[in-house]
Amino acid sequence: GAVFKLHSPLAVCTSLEGRVGVWRRQILAASASRWCSFSHSPETRSKWSSLYRCSNMNAWALETGSKLPPLVPGKLRLYSMRFCPYAQRALLMLNAKGLDHEVVNVNLARRPEWYNDVLPAGTVPVLYQDEKVISGSMPIAEYLEEAYPQPRLLPSDPYLKALDRSFLDSALACASLIGSISLKRGSKEEHWVNFVKKIGLFEKELGKRKTTYFGGDQPGLVDYVIWPSFPAALAFSKLYPDLKMPAADEFPLFSRWLQAMRGHPVVKATVNEDHVFLYAKSGQEGERDYNAGLQK
């Protein structure tokens, strides 16, 4: 599925990167500005330079008793739980597009009274803009690609676009495997074995494409929507000694992609791996910390 149900606190990959200091925002913005200076048009660079002033990805998760913030006319709003890989897909797409947006994070253990009213399927992510409401990570990703075509994150050629979607049919299963480990459903060792098998498919596909990213010289939609499984996987490999990420020499092309994505400005600005680890650790110990890494 493209989303996690909200009906149980454990039914959503959660947590939010959290508030960070002004110094970190400045560093990220500077890094994003340098990246945009050679990879995108002046219009997109302008959007990117204002990204961190526009998005409140780091907002504290709203909980029972919290008031619903009013919508800003014309502005994109994403209802999210930032350590949910499905919500992260939408966040990565918004940030890769440099779109002015806001994020409302939800505490799923102590859900706000209004969540059923604004989340039509009881799931995150949900994208709002005025009267438009879109549920599900892949519908949101494809809507953003079509509604805001610059920078283009899917090929314009119909055949190449079909190849991307065909690959995603297999690759997106990584999220459910890692999610099952997070939710403690079934054997984590069995889920991990199947997850590593998927990495073999990544290696083969990158070999066919002969590029660092699935999208070419820069990440594309494929890269952004499959990436969110991997910060959680890296966290689990630290928490559970029997869950090991493959050695770099076993899957060299995948390893190159993994490191390139970890260092990319869009990814670094959206997913804080230290906070992902803290969230995973809280789940391992018992009660999930939906604000892992945040400071009030």
C-alpha atoms as a PDB file:
ATOM      1  CA  GLY A   1       0.000   0.000   0.000  1.00  0.00           C
ATOM      2  CA  ALA A   2       1.008   3.585  -0.481  1.00  0.00           C
ATOM      3  CA  VAL A   3       0.107   4.713   3.011  1.00  0.00           C
ATOM      4  CA  PHE A   4       0.036   3.597   6.646  1.00  0.00           C
ATOM      5  CA  LYS A   5      -3.244   3.499   8.551  1.00  0.00           C
ATOM      6  CA  LEU A   6      -3.721   5.936  11.378  1.00  0.00           C
ATOM      7  CA  HIS A   7      -6.005   3.673  13.392  1.00  0.00           C
ATOM      8  CA  SER A   8      -3.093   2.356  15.490  1.00  0.00           C
ATOM      9  CA  PRO A   9      -0.112   4.372  16.696  1.00  0.00           C
ATOM     10  CA  LEU A  10       2.116   1.600  15.345  1.00  0.00           C
ATOM     11  CA  ALA A  11       0.431   1.684  11.964  1.00  0.00           C
ATOM     12  CA  VAL A  12       2.380   4.657  10.659  1.00  0.00           C
ATOM     13  CA  CYS A  13       6.095   5.121  10.270  1.00  0.00           C
ATOM     14  CA  THR A  14       6.484   8.198  12.324  1.00  0.00           C
ATOM     15  CA  SER A  15       8.470  10.905  13.852  1.00  0.00           C
ATOM     16  CA  LEU A  16       9.640  14.158  12.505  1.00  0.00           C
ATOM     17  CA  GLU A  17      13.117  15.414  11.961  1.00  0.00           C
ATOM     18  CA  GLY A  18      12.357  18.104  14.477  1.00  0.00           C
ATOM     19  CA  ARG A  19      13.420  21.606  15.133  1.00  0.00           C
ATOM     20  CA  VAL A  20      16.989  22.409  14.271  1.00  0.00           C
ATOM     21  CA  GLY A  21      19.051  25.451  15.072  1.00  0.00           C
ATOM     22  CA  VAL A  22      19.350  28.453  12.844  1.00  0.00           C
ATOM     23  CA  TRP A  23      22.939  27.502  12.066  1.00  0.00           C
ATOM     24  CA  ARG A  24      21.847  24.184  10.581  1.00  0.00           C
ATOM     25  CA  ARG A  25      19.164  25.806   8.443  1.00  0.00           C
ATOM     26  CA  GLN A  26      21.771  28.230   7.104  1.00  0.00           C
ATOM     27  CA  ILE A  27      24.151  25.413   6.263  1.00  0.00           C
ATOM     28  CA  LEU A  28      21.425  23.423   4.493  1.00  0.00           C
ATOM     29  CA  ALA A  29      20.217  26.440   2.581  1.00  0.00           C
ATOM     30  CA  ALA A  30      23.755  27.269   1.478  1.00  0.00           C
ATOM     31  CA  SER A  31      24.318  23.683   0.407  1.00  0.00           C
ATOM     32  CA  ALA A  32      21.049  23.654  -1.528  1.00  0.00           C
ATOM     33  CA  SER A  33      21.961  26.940  -3.187  1.00  0.00           C
ATOM     34  CA  ARG A  34      25.316  25.569  -4.360  1.00  0.00           C
ATOM     35  CA  TRP A  35      23.676  22.411  -5.689  1.00  0.00           C
ATOM     36  CA  CYS A  36      21.028  24.360  -7.572  1.00  0.00           C
ATOM     37  CA  SER A  37      23.593  26.689  -9.095  1.00  0.00           C
ATOM     38  CA  PHE A  38      24.786  23.995 -11.480  1.00  0.00           C
ATOM     39  CA  SER A  39      21.868  21.601 -11.791  1.00  0.00           C
ATOM     40  CA  HIS A  40      18.734  23.651 -12.430  1.00  0.00           C
ATOM     41  CA  SER A  41      17.317  26.708 -14.145  1.00  0.00           C
ATOM     42  CA  PRO A  42      17.411  30.202 -12.557  1.00  0.00           C
ATOM     43  CA  GLU A  43      13.699  29.892 -11.749  1.00  0.00           C
ATOM     44  CA  THR A  44      14.223  26.601  -9.932  1.00  0.00           C
ATOM     45  CA  ARG A  45      17.322  27.925  -8.146  1.00  0.00           C
ATOM     46  CA  SER A  46      15.207  30.795  -6.870  1.00  0.00           C
ATOM     47  CA  LYS A  47      12.602  28.362  -5.556  1.00  0.00           C
ATOM     48  CA  TRP A  48      15.296  26.265  -3.917  1.00  0.00           C
ATOM     49  CA  SER A  49      16.976  29.184  -2.194  1.00  0.00           C
ATOM     50  CA  SER A  50      13.687  29.999  -0.457  1.00  0.00           C
ATOM     51  CA  LEU A  51      12.789  26.392   0.360  1.00  0.00           C
ATOM     52  CA  TYR A  52      13.872  26.391   3.969  1.00  0.00           C
ATOM     53  CA  ARG A  53      12.012  29.623   4.703  1.00  0.00           C
ATOM     54  CA  CYS A  54       8.842  28.161   3.231  1.00  0.00           C
ATOM     55  CA  SER A  55       8.610  24.657   4.662  1.00  0.00           C
ATOM     56  CA  ASN A  56       8.064  23.809   8.323  1.00  0.00           C
ATOM     57  CA  MET A  57       9.095  20.159   8.029  1.00  0.00           C
ATOM     58  CA  ASN A  58      10.622  20.433  11.483  1.00  0.00           C
ATOM     59  CA  ALA A  59       7.398  21.326  13.273  1.00  0.00           C
ATOM     60  CA  TRP A  60       6.485  19.523  16.493  1.00  0.00           C
ATOM     61  CA  ALA A  61       3.846  16.808  15.982  1.00  0.00           C
ATOM     62  CA  LEU A  62       0.349  17.989  16.842  1.00  0.00           C
ATOM     63  CA  GLU A  63      -1.565  15.854  19.338  1.00  0.00           C
ATOM     64  CA  THR A  64      -4.829  15.623  21.288  1.00  0.00           C
ATOM     65  CA  GLY A  65      -6.029  19.095  22.186  1.00  0.00           C
ATOM     66  CA  SER A  66      -4.085  20.784  19.372  1.00  0.00           C
ATOM     67  CA  LYS A  67      -5.985  23.205  17.172  1.00  0.00           C
ATOM     68  CA  LEU A  68      -6.030  22.652  13.423  1.00  0.00           C
ATOM     69  CA  PRO A  69      -3.964  25.420  11.781  1.00  0.00           C
ATOM     70  CA  PRO A  70      -5.992  27.318   9.167  1.00  0.00           C
ATOM     71  CA  LEU A  71      -5.078  26.739   5.540  1.00  0.00           C
ATOM     72  CA  VAL A  72      -3.211  29.507   3.759  1.00  0.00           C
ATOM     73  CA  PRO A  73      -5.026  30.243   0.471  1.00  0.00           C
ATOM     74  CA  GLY A  74      -3.173  28.784  -2.494  1.00  0.00           C
ATOM     75  CA  LYS A  75      -0.450  27.171  -0.388  1.00  0.00           C
ATOM     76  CA  LEU A  76       0.367  23.464  -0.484  1.00  0.00           C
ATOM     77  CA  ARG A  77      -0.012  21.702   2.860  1.00  0.00           C
ATOM     78  CA  LEU A  78       1.177  18.171   3.624  1.00  0.00           C
ATOM     79  CA  TYR A  79      -0.195  16.219   6.574  1.00  0.00           C
ATOM     80  CA  SER A  80       2.675  13.994   7.550  1.00  0.00           C
ATOM     81  CA  MET A  81       4.548  11.872  10.010  1.00  0.00           C
ATOM     82  CA  ARG A  82       8.086  12.515   8.980  1.00  0.00           C
ATOM     83  CA  PHE A  83       9.647   9.166   9.771  1.00  0.00           C
ATOM     84  CA  CYS A  84       6.958   7.413   7.775  1.00  0.00           C
ATOM     85  CA  PRO A  85       8.636   6.407   4.480  1.00  0.00           C
ATOM     86  CA  TYR A  86       5.445   7.133   2.568  1.00  0.00           C
ATOM     87  CA  ALA A  87       5.201  10.671   3.913  1.00  0.00           C
ATOM     88  CA  GLN A  88       8.908  11.128   3.220  1.00  0.00           C
ATOM     89  CA  ARG A  89       8.269  10.354  -0.444  1.00  0.00           C
ATOM     90  CA  ALA A  90       5.931  13.321  -0.665  1.00  0.00           C
ATOM     91  CA  LEU A  91       8.313  15.553   1.305  1.00  0.00           C
ATOM     92  CA  LEU A  92      11.226  14.662  -0.955  1.00  0.00           C
ATOM     93  CA  MET A  93       9.178  15.462  -4.044  1.00  0.00           C
ATOM     94  CA  LEU A  94       8.049  18.812  -2.630  1.00  0.00           C
ATOM     95  CA  ASN A  95      11.612  19.734  -1.749  1.00  0.00           C
ATOM     96  CA  ALA A  96      13.080  18.485  -5.023  1.00  0.00           C
ATOM     97  CA  LYS A  97      10.581  20.700  -6.855  1.00  0.00           C
ATOM     98  CA  GLY A  98      11.441  23.657  -4.622  1.00  0.00           C
ATOM     99  CA  LEU A  99       7.748  24.226  -3.908  1.00  0.00           C
ATOM    100  CA  ASP A 100       6.472  26.627  -1.284  1.00  0.00           C
ATOM    101  CA  HIS A 101       4.608  24.427   1.172  1.00  0.00           C
ATOM    102  CA  GLU A 102       3.917  23.775   4.819  1.00  0.00           C
ATOM    103  CA  VAL A 103       3.840  20.563   6.841  1.00  0.00           C
ATOM    104  CA  VAL A 104       1.452  19.564   9.629  1.00  0.00           C
ATOM    105  CA  ASN A 105       2.861  16.631  11.586  1.00  0.00           C
ATOM    106  CA  VAL A 106       0.574  14.380  13.605  1.00  0.00           C
ATOM    107  CA  ASN A 107       1.274  12.480  16.832  1.00  0.00           C
ATOM    108  CA  LEU A 108      -0.362   9.114  16.165  1.00  0.00           C
ATOM    109  CA  ALA A 109      -0.291   7.945  19.769  1.00  0.00           C
ATOM    110  CA  ARG A 110      -2.293  11.004  20.863  1.00  0.00           C
ATOM    111  CA  ARG A 111      -4.144  11.949  17.720  1.00  0.00           C
ATOM    112  CA  PRO A 112      -5.787  15.364  17.349  1.00  0.00           C
ATOM    113  CA  GLU A 113      -9.565  15.391  17.485  1.00  0.00           C
ATOM    114  CA  TRP A 114      -9.737  16.766  13.927  1.00  0.00           C
ATOM    115  CA  TYR A 115      -7.631  14.116  12.172  1.00  0.00           C
ATOM    116  CA  ASN A 116     -10.615  12.190  10.737  1.00  0.00           C
ATOM    117  CA  ASP A 117     -11.967  15.401   9.257  1.00  0.00           C
ATOM    118  CA  VAL A 118      -8.815  16.270   7.316  1.00  0.00           C
ATOM    119  CA  LEU A 119      -7.456  12.795   6.505  1.00  0.00           C
ATOM    120  CA  PRO A 120     -10.157  11.266   4.286  1.00  0.00           C
ATOM    121  CA  ALA A 121      -8.743   7.718   4.343  1.00  0.00           C
ATOM    122  CA  GLY A 122      -7.330   7.964   7.865  1.00  0.00           C
ATOM    123  CA  THR A 123      -3.821   7.841   6.440  1.00  0.00           C
ATOM    124  CA  VAL A 124      -0.745   9.975   5.858  1.00  0.00           C
ATOM    125  CA  PRO A 125       0.456  11.565   3.688  1.00  0.00           C
ATOM    126  CA  VAL A 126      -2.363  13.828   2.517  1.00  0.00           C
ATOM    127  CA  LEU A 127      -1.764  16.887   0.337  1.00  0.00           C
ATOM    128  CA  TYR A 128      -4.089  19.896   0.481  1.00  0.00           C
ATOM    129  CA  GLN A 129      -4.273  23.012  -1.645  1.00  0.00           C
ATOM    130  CA  ASP A 130      -7.490  24.991  -1.235  1.00  0.00           C
ATOM    131  CA  GLU A 131     -10.225  22.547  -2.361  1.00  0.00           C
ATOM    132  CA  LYS A 132      -7.798  19.954  -3.727  1.00  0.00           C
ATOM    133  CA  VAL A 133      -7.174  16.910  -1.506  1.00  0.00           C
ATOM    134  CA  ILE A 134      -4.870  14.039  -2.524  1.00  0.00           C
ATOM    135  CA  SER A 135      -4.191  10.966  -0.395  1.00  0.00           C
ATOM    136  CA  GLY A 136      -1.329   8.500  -0.815  1.00  0.00           C
ATOM    137  CA  SER A 137       2.365   8.884  -1.493  1.00  0.00           C
ATOM    138  CA  MET A 138       2.454   7.829  -5.155  1.00  0.00           C
ATOM    139  CA  PRO A 139      -0.653   9.810  -6.213  1.00  0.00           C
ATOM    140  CA  ILE A 140       0.922  12.852  -4.530  1.00  0.00           C
ATOM    141  CA  ALA A 141       4.302  12.253  -6.192  1.00  0.00           C
ATOM    142  CA  GLU A 142       2.762  11.884  -9.650  1.00  0.00           C
ATOM    143  CA  TYR A 143       0.472  14.879  -9.143  1.00  0.00           C
ATOM    144  CA  LEU A 144       3.429  17.087  -8.196  1.00  0.00           C
ATOM    145  CA  GLU A 145       5.379  15.872 -11.225  1.00  0.00           C
ATOM    146  CA  GLU A 146       2.535  16.725 -13.589  1.00  0.00           C
ATOM    147  CA  ALA A 147       1.295  19.909 -11.935  1.00  0.00           C
ATOM    148  CA  TYR A 148       4.797  21.337 -11.396  1.00  0.00           C
ATOM    149  CA  PRO A 149       6.899  19.951 -14.263  1.00  0.00           C
ATOM    150  CA  GLN A 150      10.089  21.877 -13.457  1.00  0.00           C
ATOM    151  CA  PRO A 151      12.484  20.402 -12.666  1.00  0.00           C
ATOM    152  CA  ARG A 152      11.333  17.296 -14.488  1.00  0.00           C
ATOM    153  CA  LEU A 153      11.801  14.182 -12.354  1.00  0.00           C
ATOM    154  CA  LEU A 154      10.360  11.616 -14.774  1.00  0.00           C
ATOM    155  CA  PRO A 155      11.510  11.144 -18.380  1.00  0.00           C
ATOM    156  CA  SER A 156       9.451  12.896 -21.038  1.00  0.00           C
ATOM    157  CA  ASP A 157       9.849   9.919 -23.379  1.00  0.00           C
ATOM    158  CA  PRO A 158       6.824   7.605 -22.872  1.00  0.00           C
ATOM    159  CA  TYR A 159       8.894   4.420 -23.112  1.00  0.00           C
ATOM    160  CA  LEU A 160      11.510   5.568 -20.596  1.00  0.00           C
ATOM    161  CA  LYS A 161       8.738   6.740 -18.278  1.00  0.00           C
ATOM    162  CA  ALA A 162       7.120   3.299 -18.559  1.00  0.00           C
ATOM    163  CA  LEU A 163      10.453   1.662 -17.677  1.00  0.00           C
ATOM    164  CA  ASP A 164      10.675   3.803 -14.530  1.00  0.00           C
ATOM    165  CA  ARG A 165       7.189   2.789 -13.456  1.00  0.00           C
ATOM    166  CA  SER A 166       7.878  -0.857 -14.248  1.00  0.00           C
ATOM    167  CA  PHE A 167      10.974  -0.818 -12.049  1.00  0.00           C
ATOM    168  CA  LEU A 168       9.001   0.820  -9.246  1.00  0.00           C
ATOM    169  CA  ASP A 169       6.536  -2.075  -9.269  1.00  0.00           C
ATOM    170  CA  SER A 170       9.295  -4.192  -7.731  1.00  0.00           C
ATOM    171  CA  ALA A 171      11.377  -1.564  -5.924  1.00  0.00           C
ATOM    172  CA  LEU A 172       8.580  -0.030  -3.844  1.00  0.00           C
ATOM    173  CA  ALA A 173       8.144  -3.295  -1.942  1.00  0.00           C
ATOM    174  CA  CYS A 174      11.193  -2.308   0.131  1.00  0.00           C
ATOM    175  CA  ALA A 175       9.006   0.067   2.126  1.00  0.00           C
ATOM    176  CA  SER A 176       6.596  -2.651   3.235  1.00  0.00           C
ATOM    177  CA  LEU A 177       9.466  -4.971   4.221  1.00  0.00           C
ATOM    178  CA  ILE A 178      11.170  -2.321   6.349  1.00  0.00           C
ATOM    179  CA  GLY A 179       7.785  -1.240   7.678  1.00  0.00           C
ATOM    180  CA  SER A 180       7.092  -4.790   8.854  1.00  0.00           C
ATOM    181  CA  ILE A 181      10.336  -4.734  10.826  1.00  0.00           C
ATOM    182  CA  SER A 182       9.402  -1.390  12.347  1.00  0.00           C
ATOM    183  CA  LEU A 183       5.946  -2.646  13.264  1.00  0.00           C
ATOM    184  CA  LYS A 184       7.366  -5.940  14.612  1.00  0.00           C
ATOM    185  CA  ARG A 185       5.209  -7.982  12.275  1.00  0.00           C
ATOM    186  CA  GLY A 186       6.501 -11.468  11.535  1.00  0.00           C
ATOM    187  CA  SER A 187      10.174 -12.411  11.444  1.00  0.00           C
ATOM    188  CA  LYS A 188      12.487  -9.426  11.103  1.00  0.00           C
ATOM    189  CA  GLU A 189      15.228 -11.749   9.829  1.00  0.00           C
ATOM    190  CA  GLU A 190      12.964 -13.034   7.042  1.00  0.00           C
ATOM    191  CA  HIS A 191      11.902  -9.515   6.090  1.00  0.00           C
ATOM    192  CA  TRP A 192      15.557  -8.465   6.016  1.00  0.00           C
ATOM    193  CA  VAL A 193      16.539 -11.337   3.713  1.00  0.00           C
ATOM    194  CA  ASN A 194      13.811 -10.293   1.270  1.00  0.00           C
ATOM    195  CA  PHE A 195      14.899  -6.657   1.578  1.00  0.00           C
ATOM    196  CA  VAL A 196      18.500  -7.536   0.656  1.00  0.00           C
ATOM    197  CA  LYS A 197      17.197  -9.496  -2.339  1.00  0.00           C
ATOM    198  CA  LYS A 198      15.597  -6.272  -3.569  1.00  0.00           C
ATOM    199  CA  ILE A 199      18.988  -4.599  -3.372  1.00  0.00           C
ATOM    200  CA  GLY A 200      20.146  -7.093  -5.984  1.00  0.00           C
ATOM    201  CA  LEU A 201      17.453  -5.724  -8.303  1.00  0.00           C
ATOM    202  CA  PHE A 202      18.720  -2.197  -7.656  1.00  0.00           C
ATOM    203  CA  GLU A 203      22.251  -3.260  -8.592  1.00  0.00           C
ATOM    204  CA  LYS A 204      21.059  -4.826 -11.837  1.00  0.00           C
ATOM    205  CA  GLU A 205      18.951  -1.802 -12.796  1.00  0.00           C
ATOM    206  CA  LEU A 206      21.762   0.671 -12.112  1.00  0.00           C
ATOM    207  CA  GLY A 207      24.026  -1.476 -14.263  1.00  0.00           C
ATOM    208  CA  LYS A 208      21.557  -1.195 -17.133  1.00  0.00           C
ATOM    209  CA  ARG A 209      21.240   2.565 -16.767  1.00  0.00           C
ATOM    210  CA  LYS A 210      24.974   3.232 -16.317  1.00  0.00           C
ATOM    211  CA  THR A 211      24.253   6.291 -14.157  1.00  0.00           C
ATOM    212  CA  THR A 212      24.854   7.184 -10.515  1.00  0.00           C
ATOM    213  CA  TYR A 213      21.154   7.752  -9.878  1.00  0.00           C
ATOM    214  CA  PHE A 214      18.136   6.032 -11.388  1.00  0.00           C
ATOM    215  CA  GLY A 215      17.203   9.471 -12.690  1.00  0.00           C
ATOM    216  CA  GLY A 216      20.564  10.033 -14.387  1.00  0.00           C
ATOM    217  CA  ASP A 217      23.170  12.540 -13.216  1.00  0.00           C
ATOM    218  CA  GLN A 218      20.735  13.865 -10.595  1.00  0.00           C
ATOM    219  CA  PRO A 219      18.044  12.048  -8.615  1.00  0.00           C
ATOM    220  CA  GLY A 220      14.637  11.681 -10.225  1.00  0.00           C
ATOM    221  CA  LEU A 221      11.225  10.581  -9.033  1.00  0.00           C
ATOM    222  CA  VAL A 222      12.358   6.947  -8.846  1.00  0.00           C
ATOM    223  CA  ASP A 223      15.234   7.842  -6.520  1.00  0.00           C
ATOM    224  CA  TYR A 224      13.102   9.996  -4.250  1.00  0.00           C
ATOM    225  CA  VAL A 225      10.220   7.552  -3.814  1.00  0.00           C
ATOM    226  CA  ILE A 226      12.411   4.494  -3.103  1.00  0.00           C
ATOM    227  CA  TRP A 227      14.915   6.293  -0.864  1.00  0.00           C
ATOM    228  CA  PRO A 228      12.878   6.540   2.393  1.00  0.00           C
ATOM    229  CA  SER A 229      13.278   2.828   3.186  1.00  0.00           C
ATOM    230  CA  PHE A 230      17.028   3.144   3.497  1.00  0.00           C
ATOM    231  CA  PRO A 231      17.510   5.541   6.441  1.00  0.00           C
ATOM    232  CA  ALA A 232      15.299   3.179   8.466  1.00  0.00           C
ATOM    233  CA  ALA A 233      17.225   0.155   7.172  1.00  0.00           C
ATOM    234  CA  LEU A 234      20.516   1.765   8.206  1.00  0.00           C
ATOM    235  CA  ALA A 235      19.061   2.426  11.646  1.00  0.00           C
ATOM    236  CA  PHE A 236      17.929  -1.194  12.034  1.00  0.00           C
ATOM    237  CA  SER A 237      21.369  -2.431  10.968  1.00  0.00           C
ATOM    238  CA  LYS A 238      22.777  -0.540  13.980  1.00  0.00           C
ATOM    239  CA  LEU A 239      20.083  -1.664  16.404  1.00  0.00           C
ATOM    240  CA  TYR A 240      20.024  -5.357  15.480  1.00  0.00           C
ATOM    241  CA  PRO A 241      23.404  -7.102  15.084  1.00  0.00           C
ATOM    242  CA  ASP A 242      21.872  -9.824  12.888  1.00  0.00           C
ATOM    243  CA  LEU A 243      20.603  -7.313  10.307  1.00  0.00           C
ATOM    244  CA  LYS A 244      23.583  -6.339   8.185  1.00  0.00           C
ATOM    245  CA  MET A 245      23.647  -4.072   5.180  1.00  0.00           C
ATOM    246  CA  PRO A 246      25.476  -5.711   2.240  1.00  0.00           C
ATOM    247  CA  ALA A 247      29.171  -4.959   1.865  1.00  0.00           C
ATOM    248  CA  ALA A 248      30.065  -2.321  -0.708  1.00  0.00           C
ATOM    249  CA  ASP A 249      31.950  -4.821  -2.874  1.00  0.00           C
ATOM    250  CA  GLU A 250      28.874  -7.089  -3.030  1.00  0.00           C
ATOM    251  CA  PHE A 251      26.712  -4.414  -4.668  1.00  0.00           C
ATOM    252  CA  PRO A 252      29.122  -1.642  -5.779  1.00  0.00           C
ATOM    253  CA  LEU A 253      26.624   0.274  -7.935  1.00  0.00           C
ATOM    254  CA  PHE A 254      23.986   0.217  -5.226  1.00  0.00           C
ATOM    255  CA  SER A 255      26.574   1.305  -2.655  1.00  0.00           C
ATOM    256  CA  ARG A 256      27.582   4.240  -4.839  1.00  0.00           C
ATOM    257  CA  TRP A 257      23.910   5.218  -5.190  1.00  0.00           C
ATOM    258  CA  LEU A 258      23.337   4.868  -1.446  1.00  0.00           C
ATOM    259  CA  GLN A 259      26.221   7.181  -0.555  1.00  0.00           C
ATOM    260  CA  ALA A 260      25.299   9.676  -3.293  1.00  0.00           C
ATOM    261  CA  MET A 261      21.726   9.884  -1.998  1.00  0.00           C
ATOM    262  CA  ARG A 262      22.853  10.257   1.622  1.00  0.00           C
ATOM    263  CA  GLY A 263      24.948  13.251   0.624  1.00  0.00           C
ATOM    264  CA  HIS A 264      22.449  14.928  -1.677  1.00  0.00           C
ATOM    265  CA  PRO A 265      21.120  18.313  -0.446  1.00  0.00           C
ATOM    266  CA  VAL A 266      17.453  17.443  -0.981  1.00  0.00           C
ATOM    267  CA  VAL A 267      17.791  14.204   0.975  1.00  0.00           C
ATOM    268  CA  LYS A 268      19.882  15.716   3.766  1.00  0.00           C
ATOM    269  CA  ALA A 269      17.398  18.556   4.163  1.00  0.00           C
ATOM    270  CA  THR A 270      14.419  16.196   4.343  1.00  0.00           C
ATOM    271  CA  VAL A 271      15.577  13.146   6.311  1.00  0.00           C
ATOM    272  CA  ASN A 272      17.755  13.426   9.409  1.00  0.00           C
ATOM    273  CA  GLU A 273      19.378  10.009   9.828  1.00  0.00           C
ATOM    274  CA  ASP A 274      20.317  10.658  13.454  1.00  0.00           C
ATOM    275  CA  HIS A 275      16.686  11.318  14.275  1.00  0.00           C
ATOM    276  CA  VAL A 276      15.584   8.262  12.291  1.00  0.00           C
ATOM    277  CA  PHE A 277      17.866   6.185  14.512  1.00  0.00           C
ATOM    278  CA  LEU A 278      16.430   7.746  17.671  1.00  0.00           C
ATOM    279  CA  TYR A 279      12.908   7.020  16.473  1.00  0.00           C
ATOM    280  CA  ALA A 280      13.742   3.418  15.608  1.00  0.00           C
ATOM    281  CA  LYS A 281      15.431   2.979  18.978  1.00  0.00           C
ATOM    282  CA  SER A 282      12.372   4.317  20.797  1.00  0.00           C
ATOM    283  CA  GLY A 283      10.216   1.781  18.966  1.00  0.00           C
ATOM    284  CA  GLN A 284      12.593  -0.996  19.903  1.00  0.00           C
ATOM    285  CA  GLU A 285      12.437   0.018  23.560  1.00  0.00           C
ATOM    286  CA  GLY A 286       8.661   0.363  23.740  1.00  0.00           C
ATOM    287  CA  GLU A 287       6.830   3.673  23.310  1.00  0.00           C
ATOM    288  CA  ARG A 288       7.561   5.414  20.024  1.00  0.00           C
ATOM    289  CA  ASP A 289       8.868   8.946  20.258  1.00  0.00           C
ATOM    290  CA  TYR A 290       7.073  10.859  17.518  1.00  0.00           C
ATOM    291  CA  ASN A 291       9.252  13.894  18.203  1.00  0.00           C
ATOM    292  CA  ALA A 292      12.564  12.034  18.348  1.00  0.00           C
ATOM    293  CA  GLY A 293      15.455  14.461  18.156  1.00  0.00           C
ATOM    294  CA  LEU A 294      13.338  17.563  18.748  1.00  0.00           C
ATOM    295  CA  GLN A 295      13.884  20.143  21.427  1.00  0.00           C
ATOM    296  CA  LYS A 296      11.132  22.478  22.554  1.00  0.00           C
END
